Amino acid sequence: MRRIPRRLSQLAIPTLLVALVVPLGSQQPTDWKDPSSHVGRFVPVGQDVRLEVLDWGGAGRPLVLLAGGGDTAHVFDDFAPRLTSEFHVYGITRRGFGESGFAPLTSGSDTFGDDVLGVLDALKLESPVLVGHSIGGQELSSIGTRHPSRVAALVYLDAAYPYAFNNGKVPTFEEISKVGFPQTPPPSDADLASFDGLRQYYTRVLGFTYPEAELRQKRSVTPEGRLGPPRSFPGGRFLTAGMKEYVQIRAPALFLVSSQSPGRWAESSTDPKIREQIAGLSAFTERQAKAVEDGLPGARVVRLPGANHYVYLSHEADVLREMRAFLESLRPRV
C-alpha cells in the first residue's frame, strides 16, 4: 500500500505532528485548569502503552469519540457534553499523541483498532457507539470489518476517505494532491501572544475555534508565556502505516461528509487558484461519498454543504441532528 503524500495530510490529517512527545505537565501554566467536565484516566492496551481516556459522564449507552490525525480527545471538549443527556460519553487519545504512550504498530492500521477494543474491554463497555473524525474512520472501519458485534453503530465525522473505505472506485490521493490545498493564512505574532489570541485567530479565519485544552496539547509555551512552536509527536508517521482497504464494514454506519470548506478566509476569495482548489476538494469528497453509497447500500450518507473538515465544530447543530436521527432509527437494534 502506498503511503499518503505529505500534502494530503492537510486534507485528511490536518494537524499531523511528527517526532517526540514533550511531557504535557512541563508545558502548562500551573494556574490554568481545564474547564471541561471530563475525568481523565490512563488505560493500558498492551506493548506497555497506556492511552489517555476522557470520561464526560452521562446517561445511557456508551459513546466513544475518536479524534482525527494529530488531535487528542480534548478536541471534543466542547462537543462531547452535548451528548451526555443521551449517552455516557468517552474520548480516546490514540497512541503516539498527546499524553498517550507509544509503541510501533504490530498489525498496521488494525493496531489502532485493537487499541480501541482494549479500552472497551478495560472499561467493560458493551455495544458502544463509536464516533470517529477524519483518520478516526480507520479505527471505525477496522472494528466494523473485523468485530462488528462489538459495536452498536459507527458514525464517521468526515472520515469517509480511502483509509476508511476503498473498493477500488474511490478517488486516489494522488489526484487530489494535483489540485492542491488552499493555504490558511498563518497566525500573527499578536495571535500567538496567548491561547485566547490563538482561539480568536481560528474564529476569525475558520469561523469556529478549538477547545483551549486541545490547543495546549499541541503548542509549547515560552518562558515568557507566549506560544512557541507546535509540539511534535511520535505517532504521526504511523497514522497510515499498513493502511488497509476496508470494504466489508458490517456494523450500522452513518457517514457525515463535508465539502471541505477551508473557512471564512477563503469563502470570499476571488483568487482563481483558491476557487479551483475549493472546487477540487468538494469534487473529491463527493466522489468518495458516492463510492460509499454504492459500496455500502446499508449505510446512511449525509452531505453537509459548506462544512469544514471539522464538521462537528463548524456545523455542530447539523451533526448532532443527524447523529440523533440515525441512532434513534436503530433503537430497536441498539
C-alpha atoms as a PDB file:
ATOM      1  CA  MET A   1       0.000   0.000   0.000  1.00  0.00           C
ATOM      2  CA  ARG A   2       1.414   3.362  -0.989  1.00  0.00           C
ATOM      3  CA  ARG A   3       1.839   5.988   1.710  1.00  0.00           C
ATOM      4  CA  ILE A   4      -0.326   9.085   1.608  1.00  0.00           C
ATOM      5  CA  PRO A   5       1.525  12.019   0.021  1.00  0.00           C
ATOM      6  CA  ARG A   6       2.675  14.592   2.516  1.00  0.00           C
ATOM      7  CA  ARG A   7       0.435  17.311   1.085  1.00  0.00           C
ATOM      8  CA  LEU A   8      -2.631  15.167   1.648  1.00  0.00           C
ATOM      9  CA  SER A   9      -2.135  15.468   5.395  1.00  0.00           C
ATOM     10  CA  GLN A  10      -3.665  18.932   5.080  1.00  0.00           C
ATOM     11  CA  LEU A  11      -6.917  17.292   3.937  1.00  0.00           C
ATOM     12  CA  ALA A  12      -7.375  14.054   5.826  1.00  0.00           C
ATOM     13  CA  ILE A  13      -4.983  14.596   8.727  1.00  0.00           C
ATOM     14  CA  PRO A  14      -4.947  18.364   9.048  1.00  0.00           C
ATOM     15  CA  THR A  15      -2.886  18.658  12.197  1.00  0.00           C
ATOM     16  CA  LEU A  16      -0.353  15.895  11.663  1.00  0.00           C
ATOM     17  CA  LEU A  17       2.535  16.262  14.077  1.00  0.00           C
ATOM     18  CA  VAL A  18       5.637  14.085  13.943  1.00  0.00           C
ATOM     19  CA  ALA A  19       8.610  13.483  16.350  1.00  0.00           C
ATOM     20  CA  LEU A  20       8.948  13.300  20.132  1.00  0.00           C
ATOM     21  CA  VAL A  21       6.365  13.811  22.845  1.00  0.00           C
ATOM     22  CA  VAL A  22       7.123  16.580  25.313  1.00  0.00           C
ATOM     23  CA  PRO A  23       5.608  15.827  28.736  1.00  0.00           C
ATOM     24  CA  LEU A  24       2.389  17.818  28.959  1.00  0.00           C
ATOM     25  CA  GLY A  25       2.993  18.855  32.530  1.00  0.00           C
ATOM     26  CA  SER A  26       6.077  20.818  31.525  1.00  0.00           C
ATOM     27  CA  GLN A  27       4.038  22.868  29.069  1.00  0.00           C
ATOM     28  CA  GLN A  28       1.115  24.066  31.174  1.00  0.00           C
ATOM     29  CA  PRO A  29       0.935  27.117  33.448  1.00  0.00           C
ATOM     30  CA  THR A  30       0.167  25.847  36.928  1.00  0.00           C
ATOM     31  CA  ASP A  31      -2.773  28.235  37.343  1.00  0.00           C
ATOM     32  CA  TRP A  32      -4.715  27.019  34.293  1.00  0.00           C
ATOM     33  CA  LYS A  33      -7.385  24.352  34.753  1.00  0.00           C
ATOM     34  CA  ASP A  34      -9.233  22.534  32.033  1.00  0.00           C
ATOM     35  CA  PRO A  35     -12.860  23.747  32.280  1.00  0.00           C
ATOM     36  CA  SER A  36     -14.319  20.697  30.533  1.00  0.00           C
ATOM     37  CA  SER A  37     -16.421  18.368  32.675  1.00  0.00           C
ATOM     38  CA  HIS A  38     -14.452  15.217  31.928  1.00  0.00           C
ATOM     39  CA  VAL A  39     -12.468  12.949  34.249  1.00  0.00           C
ATOM     40  CA  GLY A  40      -9.210  11.613  32.821  1.00  0.00           C
ATOM     41  CA  ARG A  41      -7.531   8.268  33.283  1.00  0.00           C
ATOM     42  CA  PHE A  42      -4.932   6.095  31.564  1.00  0.00           C
ATOM     43  CA  VAL A  43      -5.851   2.662  30.232  1.00  0.00           C
ATOM     44  CA  PRO A  44      -3.180   0.050  29.353  1.00  0.00           C
ATOM     45  CA  VAL A  45      -3.706  -1.607  25.960  1.00  0.00           C
ATOM     46  CA  GLY A  46      -0.573  -3.753  25.647  1.00  0.00           C
ATOM     47  CA  GLN A  47       3.003  -3.190  24.437  1.00  0.00           C
ATOM     48  CA  ASP A  48       3.468  -1.114  27.589  1.00  0.00           C
ATOM     49  CA  VAL A  49       1.197   1.512  26.021  1.00  0.00           C
ATOM     50  CA  ARG A  50      -1.299   3.451  28.115  1.00  0.00           C
ATOM     51  CA  LEU A  51      -3.944   5.555  26.392  1.00  0.00           C
ATOM     52  CA  GLU A  52      -5.470   8.730  27.767  1.00  0.00           C
ATOM     53  CA  VAL A  53      -9.232   8.277  28.146  1.00  0.00           C
ATOM     54  CA  LEU A  54     -11.577  11.146  28.979  1.00  0.00           C
ATOM     55  CA  ASP A  55     -14.945  10.443  30.605  1.00  0.00           C
ATOM     56  CA  TRP A  56     -17.608  13.157  30.352  1.00  0.00           C
ATOM     57  CA  GLY A  57     -20.197  11.030  32.132  1.00  0.00           C
ATOM     58  CA  GLY A  58     -23.825  10.946  31.048  1.00  0.00           C
ATOM     59  CA  ALA A  59     -26.726   8.561  30.993  1.00  0.00           C
ATOM     60  CA  GLY A  60     -27.398   5.752  28.567  1.00  0.00           C
ATOM     61  CA  ARG A  61     -25.413   3.668  26.106  1.00  0.00           C
ATOM     62  CA  PRO A  62     -21.651   4.301  25.961  1.00  0.00           C
ATOM     63  CA  LEU A  63     -20.489   6.501  23.095  1.00  0.00           C
ATOM     64  CA  VAL A  64     -16.766   6.706  22.331  1.00  0.00           C
ATOM     65  CA  LEU A  65     -15.210   9.619  20.431  1.00  0.00           C
ATOM     66  CA  LEU A  66     -12.041   9.069  18.362  1.00  0.00           C
ATOM     67  CA  ALA A  67     -10.066  12.118  17.258  1.00  0.00           C
ATOM     68  CA  GLY A  68      -8.617  12.907  13.851  1.00  0.00           C
ATOM     69  CA  GLY A  69      -4.948  12.824  12.915  1.00  0.00           C
ATOM     70  CA  GLY A  70      -2.705  14.857  15.179  1.00  0.00           C
ATOM     71  CA  ASP A  71      -5.563  15.586  17.585  1.00  0.00           C
ATOM     72  CA  THR A  72      -6.249  14.325  21.094  1.00  0.00           C
ATOM     73  CA  ALA A  73      -9.502  13.505  22.854  1.00  0.00           C
ATOM     74  CA  HIS A  74      -9.518  17.093  24.196  1.00  0.00           C
ATOM     75  CA  VAL A  75     -10.600  18.294  20.750  1.00  0.00           C
ATOM     76  CA  PHE A  76     -14.094  17.079  21.767  1.00  0.00           C
ATOM     77  CA  ASP A  77     -14.193  19.148  24.992  1.00  0.00           C
ATOM     78  CA  ASP A  78     -16.980  21.365  23.663  1.00  0.00           C
ATOM     79  CA  PHE A  79     -18.804  18.767  21.557  1.00  0.00           C
ATOM     80  CA  ALA A  80     -18.912  15.824  23.979  1.00  0.00           C
ATOM     81  CA  PRO A  81     -21.104  17.490  26.662  1.00  0.00           C
ATOM     82  CA  ARG A  82     -23.835  17.984  24.027  1.00  0.00           C
ATOM     83  CA  LEU A  83     -24.314  14.201  24.020  1.00  0.00           C
ATOM     84  CA  THR A  84     -24.313  13.377  27.728  1.00  0.00           C
ATOM     85  CA  SER A  85     -28.086  13.656  28.111  1.00  0.00           C
ATOM     86  CA  GLU A  86     -28.455  10.578  25.902  1.00  0.00           C
ATOM     87  CA  PHE A  87     -25.141   8.718  26.165  1.00  0.00           C
ATOM     88  CA  HIS A  88     -22.283   8.044  28.547  1.00  0.00           C
ATOM     89  CA  VAL A  89     -19.544   9.778  26.571  1.00  0.00           C
ATOM     90  CA  TYR A  90     -15.854   8.855  26.438  1.00  0.00           C
ATOM     91  CA  GLY A  91     -12.938  10.028  24.317  1.00  0.00           C
ATOM     92  CA  ILE A  92      -9.684   8.225  23.483  1.00  0.00           C
ATOM     93  CA  THR A  93      -6.345   9.793  22.546  1.00  0.00           C
ATOM     94  CA  ARG A  94      -4.656   7.327  20.189  1.00  0.00           C
ATOM     95  CA  ARG A  95      -1.173   6.008  20.796  1.00  0.00           C
ATOM     96  CA  GLY A  96       1.653   8.366  19.980  1.00  0.00           C
ATOM     97  CA  PHE A  97      -0.282  11.601  20.554  1.00  0.00           C
ATOM     98  CA  GLY A  98      -0.877  13.927  23.477  1.00  0.00           C
ATOM     99  CA  GLU A  99      -0.274  12.174  26.777  1.00  0.00           C
ATOM    100  CA  SER A 100      -0.916   8.671  25.444  1.00  0.00           C
ATOM    101  CA  GLY A 101       2.000   6.268  25.307  1.00  0.00           C
ATOM    102  CA  PHE A 102       3.558   4.956  22.152  1.00  0.00           C
ATOM    103  CA  ALA A 103       4.998   1.795  20.638  1.00  0.00           C
ATOM    104  CA  PRO A 104       5.342   0.988  16.905  1.00  0.00           C
ATOM    105  CA  LEU A 105       2.393  -0.718  15.252  1.00  0.00           C
ATOM    106  CA  THR A 106       2.349  -4.510  15.196  1.00  0.00           C
ATOM    107  CA  SER A 107      -0.508  -5.045  12.728  1.00  0.00           C
ATOM    108  CA  GLY A 108      -0.642  -1.928  10.610  1.00  0.00           C
ATOM    109  CA  SER A 109      -3.741   0.212  10.892  1.00  0.00           C
ATOM    110  CA  ASP A 110      -5.545  -2.588  12.742  1.00  0.00           C
ATOM    111  CA  THR A 111      -3.308  -1.856  15.741  1.00  0.00           C
ATOM    112  CA  PHE A 112      -5.241   1.381  16.264  1.00  0.00           C
ATOM    113  CA  GLY A 113      -8.491  -0.582  16.101  1.00  0.00           C
ATOM    114  CA  ASP A 114      -7.138  -3.115  18.584  1.00  0.00           C
ATOM    115  CA  ASP A 115      -6.218  -0.254  20.926  1.00  0.00           C
ATOM    116  CA  VAL A 116      -9.829   0.908  20.921  1.00  0.00           C
ATOM    117  CA  LEU A 117     -11.019  -2.626  21.640  1.00  0.00           C
ATOM    118  CA  GLY A 118      -8.529  -2.765  24.508  1.00  0.00           C
ATOM    119  CA  VAL A 119     -10.113   0.324  26.051  1.00  0.00           C
ATOM    120  CA  LEU A 120     -13.618  -1.112  25.584  1.00  0.00           C
ATOM    121  CA  ASP A 121     -12.513  -4.290  27.358  1.00  0.00           C
ATOM    122  CA  ALA A 122     -10.761  -2.468  30.191  1.00  0.00           C
ATOM    123  CA  LEU A 123     -13.762  -0.226  30.875  1.00  0.00           C
ATOM    124  CA  LYS A 124     -16.267  -3.052  30.222  1.00  0.00           C
ATOM    125  CA  LEU A 125     -18.153  -1.006  27.620  1.00  0.00           C
ATOM    126  CA  GLU A 126     -20.694  -3.189  25.865  1.00  0.00           C
ATOM    127  CA  SER A 127     -22.068  -2.367  22.409  1.00  0.00           C
ATOM    128  CA  PRO A 128     -20.945   1.257  22.336  1.00  0.00           C
ATOM    129  CA  VAL A 129     -21.497   3.727  19.529  1.00  0.00           C
ATOM    130  CA  LEU A 130     -18.113   4.611  18.035  1.00  0.00           C
ATOM    131  CA  VAL A 131     -17.738   8.104  16.558  1.00  0.00           C
ATOM    132  CA  GLY A 132     -14.567   8.897  14.620  1.00  0.00           C
ATOM    133  CA  HIS A 133     -13.316  12.073  12.963  1.00  0.00           C
ATOM    134  CA  SER A 134     -11.021  12.081   9.918  1.00  0.00           C
ATOM    135  CA  ILE A 135      -8.354   9.362  10.310  1.00  0.00           C
ATOM    136  CA  GLY A 136     -10.505   8.029  13.169  1.00  0.00           C
ATOM    137  CA  GLY A 137     -12.517   6.416  10.383  1.00  0.00           C
ATOM    138  CA  GLN A 138      -9.662   3.950  10.080  1.00  0.00           C
ATOM    139  CA  GLU A 139     -10.310   2.628  13.589  1.00  0.00           C
ATOM    140  CA  LEU A 140     -14.063   2.524  12.925  1.00  0.00           C
ATOM    141  CA  SER A 141     -13.657   0.508   9.741  1.00  0.00           C
ATOM    142  CA  SER A 142     -11.111  -1.812  11.327  1.00  0.00           C
ATOM    143  CA  ILE A 143     -13.547  -2.714  14.104  1.00  0.00           C
ATOM    144  CA  GLY A 144     -16.656  -2.621  11.898  1.00  0.00           C
ATOM    145  CA  THR A 145     -14.986  -5.065   9.497  1.00  0.00           C
ATOM    146  CA  ARG A 146     -13.387  -7.483  11.947  1.00  0.00           C
ATOM    147  CA  HIS A 147     -15.591  -7.213  15.043  1.00  0.00           C
ATOM    148  CA  PRO A 148     -18.991  -5.738  14.079  1.00  0.00           C
ATOM    149  CA  SER A 149     -20.711  -7.463  17.006  1.00  0.00           C
ATOM    150  CA  ARG A 150     -18.639  -5.388  19.437  1.00  0.00           C
ATOM    151  CA  VAL A 151     -20.371  -2.118  18.497  1.00  0.00           C
ATOM    152  CA  ALA A 152     -23.908  -0.841  18.146  1.00  0.00           C
ATOM    153  CA  ALA A 153     -23.117   1.619  15.360  1.00  0.00           C
ATOM    154  CA  LEU A 154     -20.379   3.645  13.705  1.00  0.00           C
ATOM    155  CA  VAL A 155     -20.513   7.388  12.995  1.00  0.00           C
ATOM    156  CA  TYR A 156     -17.954   8.788  10.555  1.00  0.00           C
ATOM    157  CA  LEU A 157     -17.359  12.532  11.036  1.00  0.00           C
ATOM    158  CA  ASP A 158     -15.907  13.487   7.664  1.00  0.00           C
ATOM    159  CA  ALA A 159     -13.965  10.256   7.839  1.00  0.00           C
ATOM    160  CA  ALA A 160     -15.122   8.727   4.537  1.00  0.00           C
ATOM    161  CA  TYR A 161     -11.722   8.632   2.858  1.00  0.00           C
ATOM    162  CA  PRO A 162      -9.777   5.740   1.304  1.00  0.00           C
ATOM    163  CA  TYR A 163      -8.242   4.762   4.640  1.00  0.00           C
ATOM    164  CA  ALA A 164     -11.801   4.066   5.880  1.00  0.00           C
ATOM    165  CA  PHE A 165     -13.431   2.697   2.728  1.00  0.00           C
ATOM    166  CA  ASN A 166     -11.744   1.711  -0.524  1.00  0.00           C
ATOM    167  CA  ASN A 167     -13.423  -0.575  -3.040  1.00  0.00           C
ATOM    168  CA  GLY A 168     -11.148   0.479  -5.886  1.00  0.00           C
ATOM    169  CA  LYS A 169     -13.634   3.079  -7.142  1.00  0.00           C
ATOM    170  CA  VAL A 170     -12.676   5.902  -4.827  1.00  0.00           C
ATOM    171  CA  PRO A 171     -10.569   8.891  -5.890  1.00  0.00           C
ATOM    172  CA  THR A 172      -6.868   8.492  -5.303  1.00  0.00           C
ATOM    173  CA  PHE A 173      -4.789  10.655  -3.015  1.00  0.00           C
ATOM    174  CA  GLU A 174      -2.537  11.468  -5.958  1.00  0.00           C
ATOM    175  CA  GLU A 175      -5.486  13.004  -7.819  1.00  0.00           C
ATOM    176  CA  ILE A 176      -6.375  15.423  -5.067  1.00  0.00           C
ATOM    177  CA  SER A 177      -2.719  16.241  -4.461  1.00  0.00           C
ATOM    178  CA  LYS A 178      -2.516  17.574  -8.000  1.00  0.00           C
ATOM    179  CA  VAL A 179      -5.342  20.004  -7.275  1.00  0.00           C
ATOM    180  CA  GLY A 180      -3.607  21.343  -4.160  1.00  0.00           C
ATOM    181  CA  PHE A 181      -4.987  22.748  -0.929  1.00  0.00           C
ATOM    182  CA  PRO A 182      -5.839  26.330  -0.004  1.00  0.00           C
ATOM    183  CA  GLN A 183      -3.164  27.579   2.382  1.00  0.00           C
ATOM    184  CA  THR A 184      -4.708  29.114   5.506  1.00  0.00           C
ATOM    185  CA  PRO A 185      -3.036  32.411   6.485  1.00  0.00           C
ATOM    186  CA  PRO A 186      -0.722  31.721   9.445  1.00  0.00           C
ATOM    187  CA  PRO A 187      -1.324  33.298  12.873  1.00  0.00           C
ATOM    188  CA  SER A 188       0.469  36.575  13.506  1.00  0.00           C
ATOM    189  CA  ASP A 189       2.797  37.325  16.403  1.00  0.00           C
ATOM    190  CA  ALA A 190      -0.152  39.004  18.123  1.00  0.00           C
ATOM    191  CA  ASP A 191      -2.269  35.872  17.669  1.00  0.00           C
ATOM    192  CA  LEU A 192       0.451  33.824  19.362  1.00  0.00           C
ATOM    193  CA  ALA A 193       0.684  36.069  22.410  1.00  0.00           C
ATOM    194  CA  SER A 194      -1.774  33.830  24.284  1.00  0.00           C
ATOM    195  CA  PHE A 195      -4.098  30.870  23.866  1.00  0.00           C
ATOM    196  CA  ASP A 196      -7.028  33.259  23.876  1.00  0.00           C
ATOM    197  CA  GLY A 197      -5.443  35.122  20.984  1.00  0.00           C
ATOM    198  CA  LEU A 198      -4.946  31.888  19.060  1.00  0.00           C
ATOM    199  CA  ARG A 199      -8.557  30.864  19.646  1.00  0.00           C
ATOM    200  CA  GLN A 200      -9.703  34.249  18.323  1.00  0.00           C
ATOM    201  CA  TYR A 201      -7.484  33.769  15.281  1.00  0.00           C
ATOM    202  CA  TYR A 202      -9.197  30.467  14.451  1.00  0.00           C
ATOM    203  CA  THR A 203     -12.634  32.023  14.885  1.00  0.00           C
ATOM    204  CA  ARG A 204     -11.635  34.845  12.551  1.00  0.00           C
ATOM    205  CA  VAL A 205     -10.171  32.706   9.760  1.00  0.00           C
ATOM    206  CA  LEU A 206     -12.213  29.500  10.084  1.00  0.00           C
ATOM    207  CA  GLY A 207     -15.499  30.611  11.591  1.00  0.00           C
ATOM    208  CA  PHE A 208     -15.048  28.328  14.615  1.00  0.00           C
ATOM    209  CA  THR A 209     -12.337  27.645  17.158  1.00  0.00           C
ATOM    210  CA  TYR A 210     -10.804  24.727  19.043  1.00  0.00           C
ATOM    211  CA  PRO A 211     -11.061  23.988  22.777  1.00  0.00           C
ATOM    212  CA  GLU A 212      -8.223  25.599  24.683  1.00  0.00           C
ATOM    213  CA  ALA A 213      -7.193  22.281  26.218  1.00  0.00           C
ATOM    214  CA  GLU A 214      -6.638  20.884  22.725  1.00  0.00           C
ATOM    215  CA  LEU A 215      -4.500  23.852  21.737  1.00  0.00           C
ATOM    216  CA  ARG A 216      -2.488  23.393  24.935  1.00  0.00           C
ATOM    217  CA  GLN A 217      -1.840  19.803  23.895  1.00  0.00           C
ATOM    218  CA  LYS A 218      -0.392  20.985  20.601  1.00  0.00           C
ATOM    219  CA  ARG A 219       1.523  24.165  21.407  1.00  0.00           C
ATOM    220  CA  SER A 220       4.597  24.701  23.518  1.00  0.00           C
ATOM    221  CA  VAL A 221       4.806  27.755  25.771  1.00  0.00           C
ATOM    222  CA  THR A 222       7.845  30.003  26.065  1.00  0.00           C
ATOM    223  CA  PRO A 223       9.211  31.095  29.472  1.00  0.00           C
ATOM    224  CA  GLU A 224       7.643  34.497  28.738  1.00  0.00           C
ATOM    225  CA  GLY A 225       4.205  32.920  28.398  1.00  0.00           C
ATOM    226  CA  ARG A 226       3.901  33.257  24.626  1.00  0.00           C
ATOM    227  CA  LEU A 227       3.016  30.335  22.391  1.00  0.00           C
ATOM    228  CA  GLY A 228       6.010  28.588  20.963  1.00  0.00           C
ATOM    229  CA  PRO A 229       6.335  26.138  18.064  1.00  0.00           C
ATOM    230  CA  PRO A 230       3.854  23.285  17.682  1.00  0.00           C
ATOM    231  CA  ARG A 231       4.679  20.230  19.769  1.00  0.00           C
ATOM    232  CA  SER A 232       5.528  17.115  17.829  1.00  0.00           C
ATOM    233  CA  PHE A 233       4.531  13.531  18.477  1.00  0.00           C
ATOM    234  CA  PRO A 234       5.943  10.103  17.522  1.00  0.00           C
ATOM    235  CA  GLY A 235       2.669   8.700  16.217  1.00  0.00           C
ATOM    236  CA  GLY A 236       2.336  10.916  13.152  1.00  0.00           C
ATOM    237  CA  ARG A 237       4.363   8.880  10.717  1.00  0.00           C
ATOM    238  CA  PHE A 238       2.473   5.719  11.696  1.00  0.00           C
ATOM    239  CA  LEU A 239      -1.046   7.037  11.093  1.00  0.00           C
ATOM    240  CA  THR A 240      -1.312   5.487   7.656  1.00  0.00           C
ATOM    241  CA  ALA A 241       1.318   2.763   8.051  1.00  0.00           C
ATOM    242  CA  GLY A 242      -0.063  -0.550   6.868  1.00  0.00           C
ATOM    243  CA  MET A 243      -3.255   1.112   5.635  1.00  0.00           C
ATOM    244  CA  LYS A 244      -5.931  -1.479   4.776  1.00  0.00           C
ATOM    245  CA  GLU A 245      -8.537  -1.401   2.027  1.00  0.00           C
ATOM    246  CA  TYR A 246     -11.628  -1.795   4.174  1.00  0.00           C
ATOM    247  CA  VAL A 247     -14.715  -2.778   2.174  1.00  0.00           C
ATOM    248  CA  GLN A 248     -16.882  -5.151   4.219  1.00  0.00           C
ATOM    249  CA  ILE A 249     -17.955  -2.785   7.004  1.00  0.00           C
ATOM    250  CA  ARG A 250     -20.691  -4.797   8.659  1.00  0.00           C
ATOM    251  CA  ALA A 251     -21.835  -2.558  11.512  1.00  0.00           C
ATOM    252  CA  PRO A 252     -24.622   0.025  11.040  1.00  0.00           C
ATOM    253  CA  ALA A 253     -22.907   3.193   9.831  1.00  0.00           C
ATOM    254  CA  LEU A 254     -23.577   6.892   9.340  1.00  0.00           C
ATOM    255  CA  PHE A 255     -21.193   8.864   7.125  1.00  0.00           C
ATOM    256  CA  LEU A 256     -21.303  12.652   7.512  1.00  0.00           C
ATOM    257  CA  VAL A 257     -19.455  14.204   4.581  1.00  0.00           C
ATOM    258  CA  SER A 258     -18.201  17.792   4.423  1.00  0.00           C
ATOM    259  CA  SER A 259     -17.453  19.812   1.311  1.00  0.00           C
ATOM    260  CA  GLN A 260     -14.019  20.582   2.797  1.00  0.00           C
ATOM    261  CA  SER A 261     -14.705  24.316   3.129  1.00  0.00           C
ATOM    262  CA  PRO A 262     -11.401  25.973   4.139  1.00  0.00           C
ATOM    263  CA  GLY A 263     -13.219  28.542   6.277  1.00  0.00           C
ATOM    264  CA  ARG A 264     -14.190  32.197   6.263  1.00  0.00           C
ATOM    265  CA  TRP A 265     -10.869  33.436   4.928  1.00  0.00           C
ATOM    266  CA  ALA A 266     -11.332  31.565   1.635  1.00  0.00           C
ATOM    267  CA  GLU A 267     -15.098  31.752   1.142  1.00  0.00           C
ATOM    268  CA  SER A 268     -15.000  35.307  -0.201  1.00  0.00           C
ATOM    269  CA  SER A 269     -11.752  34.896  -2.130  1.00  0.00           C
ATOM    270  CA  THR A 270     -11.775  35.724  -5.824  1.00  0.00           C
ATOM    271  CA  ASP A 271      -8.351  34.160  -6.389  1.00  0.00           C
ATOM    272  CA  PRO A 272      -8.864  31.717  -9.304  1.00  0.00           C
ATOM    273  CA  LYS A 273      -6.376  29.234  -7.839  1.00  0.00           C
ATOM    274  CA  ILE A 274      -8.170  29.133  -4.464  1.00  0.00           C
ATOM    275  CA  ARG A 275     -11.553  28.777  -6.174  1.00  0.00           C
ATOM    276  CA  GLU A 276     -10.178  25.899  -8.242  1.00  0.00           C
ATOM    277  CA  GLN A 277      -8.761  24.192  -5.168  1.00  0.00           C
ATOM    278  CA  ILE A 278     -12.042  24.541  -3.260  1.00  0.00           C
ATOM    279  CA  ALA A 279     -13.946  23.038  -6.196  1.00  0.00           C
ATOM    280  CA  GLY A 280     -11.426  20.208  -6.409  1.00  0.00           C
ATOM    281  CA  LEU A 281     -11.778  19.350  -2.740  1.00  0.00           C
ATOM    282  CA  SER A 282     -15.566  19.366  -2.994  1.00  0.00           C
ATOM    283  CA  ALA A 283     -15.441  17.062  -6.032  1.00  0.00           C
ATOM    284  CA  PHE A 284     -13.073  14.718  -4.193  1.00  0.00           C
ATOM    285  CA  THR A 285     -15.393  14.341  -1.206  1.00  0.00           C
ATOM    286  CA  GLU A 286     -18.436  13.873  -3.454  1.00  0.00           C
ATOM    287  CA  ARG A 287     -16.763  11.041  -5.352  1.00  0.00           C
ATOM    288  CA  GLN A 288     -15.820   9.353  -2.098  1.00  0.00           C
ATOM    289  CA  ALA A 289     -19.363   9.775  -0.744  1.00  0.00           C
ATOM    290  CA  LYS A 290     -20.811   8.244  -3.917  1.00  0.00           C
ATOM    291  CA  ALA A 291     -18.416   5.308  -3.659  1.00  0.00           C
ATOM    292  CA  VAL A 292     -19.568   4.650  -0.086  1.00  0.00           C
ATOM    293  CA  GLU A 293     -23.228   4.836  -1.143  1.00  0.00           C
ATOM    294  CA  ASP A 294     -22.649   2.366  -3.964  1.00  0.00           C
ATOM    295  CA  GLY A 295     -20.408   0.041  -1.973  1.00  0.00           C
ATOM    296  CA  LEU A 296     -22.303   0.085   1.334  1.00  0.00           C
ATOM    297  CA  PRO A 297     -26.001   0.339   0.412  1.00  0.00           C
ATOM    298  CA  GLY A 298     -26.994  -0.241   4.035  1.00  0.00           C
ATOM    299  CA  ALA A 299     -25.069   2.810   5.260  1.00  0.00           C
ATOM    300  CA  ARG A 300     -26.526   6.290   5.600  1.00  0.00           C
ATOM    301  CA  VAL A 301     -24.529   9.008   3.832  1.00  0.00           C
ATOM    302  CA  VAL A 302     -25.336  12.640   4.616  1.00  0.00           C
ATOM    303  CA  ARG A 303     -23.644  15.541   2.867  1.00  0.00           C
ATOM    304  CA  LEU A 304     -23.104  18.803   4.755  1.00  0.00           C
ATOM    305  CA  PRO A 305     -22.502  21.558   2.164  1.00  0.00           C
ATOM    306  CA  GLY A 306     -20.244  24.351   3.322  1.00  0.00           C
ATOM    307  CA  ALA A 307     -18.899  22.342   6.244  1.00  0.00           C
ATOM    308  CA  ASN A 308     -15.262  22.361   7.263  1.00  0.00           C
ATOM    309  CA  HIS A 309     -13.339  19.122   7.702  1.00  0.00           C
ATOM    310  CA  TYR A 310     -14.000  19.611  11.444  1.00  0.00           C
ATOM    311  CA  VAL A 311     -17.716  19.144  10.827  1.00  0.00           C
ATOM    312  CA  TYR A 312     -18.587  18.743  14.496  1.00  0.00           C
ATOM    313  CA  LEU A 313     -17.130  22.193  15.197  1.00  0.00           C
ATOM    314  CA  SER A 314     -18.166  24.122  12.076  1.00  0.00           C
ATOM    315  CA  HIS A 315     -21.650  22.524  11.854  1.00  0.00           C
ATOM    316  CA  GLU A 316     -22.272  21.214  15.354  1.00  0.00           C
ATOM    317  CA  ALA A 317     -26.081  21.511  15.250  1.00  0.00           C
ATOM    318  CA  ASP A 318     -26.302  19.643  11.928  1.00  0.00           C
ATOM    319  CA  VAL A 319     -24.012  16.878  13.163  1.00  0.00           C
ATOM    320  CA  LEU A 320     -25.974  16.421  16.386  1.00  0.00           C
ATOM    321  CA  ARG A 321     -29.275  16.356  14.498  1.00  0.00           C
ATOM    322  CA  GLU A 322     -28.088  13.720  12.017  1.00  0.00           C
ATOM    323  CA  MET A 323     -26.453  11.594  14.702  1.00  0.00           C
ATOM    324  CA  ARG A 324     -29.584  11.587  16.840  1.00  0.00           C
ATOM    325  CA  ALA A 325     -31.846  10.757  13.911  1.00  0.00           C
ATOM    326  CA  PHE A 326     -29.589   7.900  12.833  1.00  0.00           C
ATOM    327  CA  LEU A 327     -29.187   6.415  16.297  1.00  0.00           C
ATOM    328  CA  GLU A 328     -32.891   6.789  17.030  1.00  0.00           C
ATOM    329  CA  SER A 329     -33.683   4.851  13.843  1.00  0.00           C
ATOM    330  CA  LEU A 330     -31.565   1.989  15.173  1.00  0.00           C
ATOM    331  CA  ARG A 331     -33.144   1.964  18.612  1.00  0.00           C
ATOM    332  CA  PRO A 332     -34.830  -1.452  18.173  1.00  0.00           C
ATOM    333  CA  ARG A 333     -31.356  -2.812  17.418  1.00  0.00           C
ATOM    334  CA  VAL A 334     -29.347  -0.675  19.820  1.00  0.00           C
END
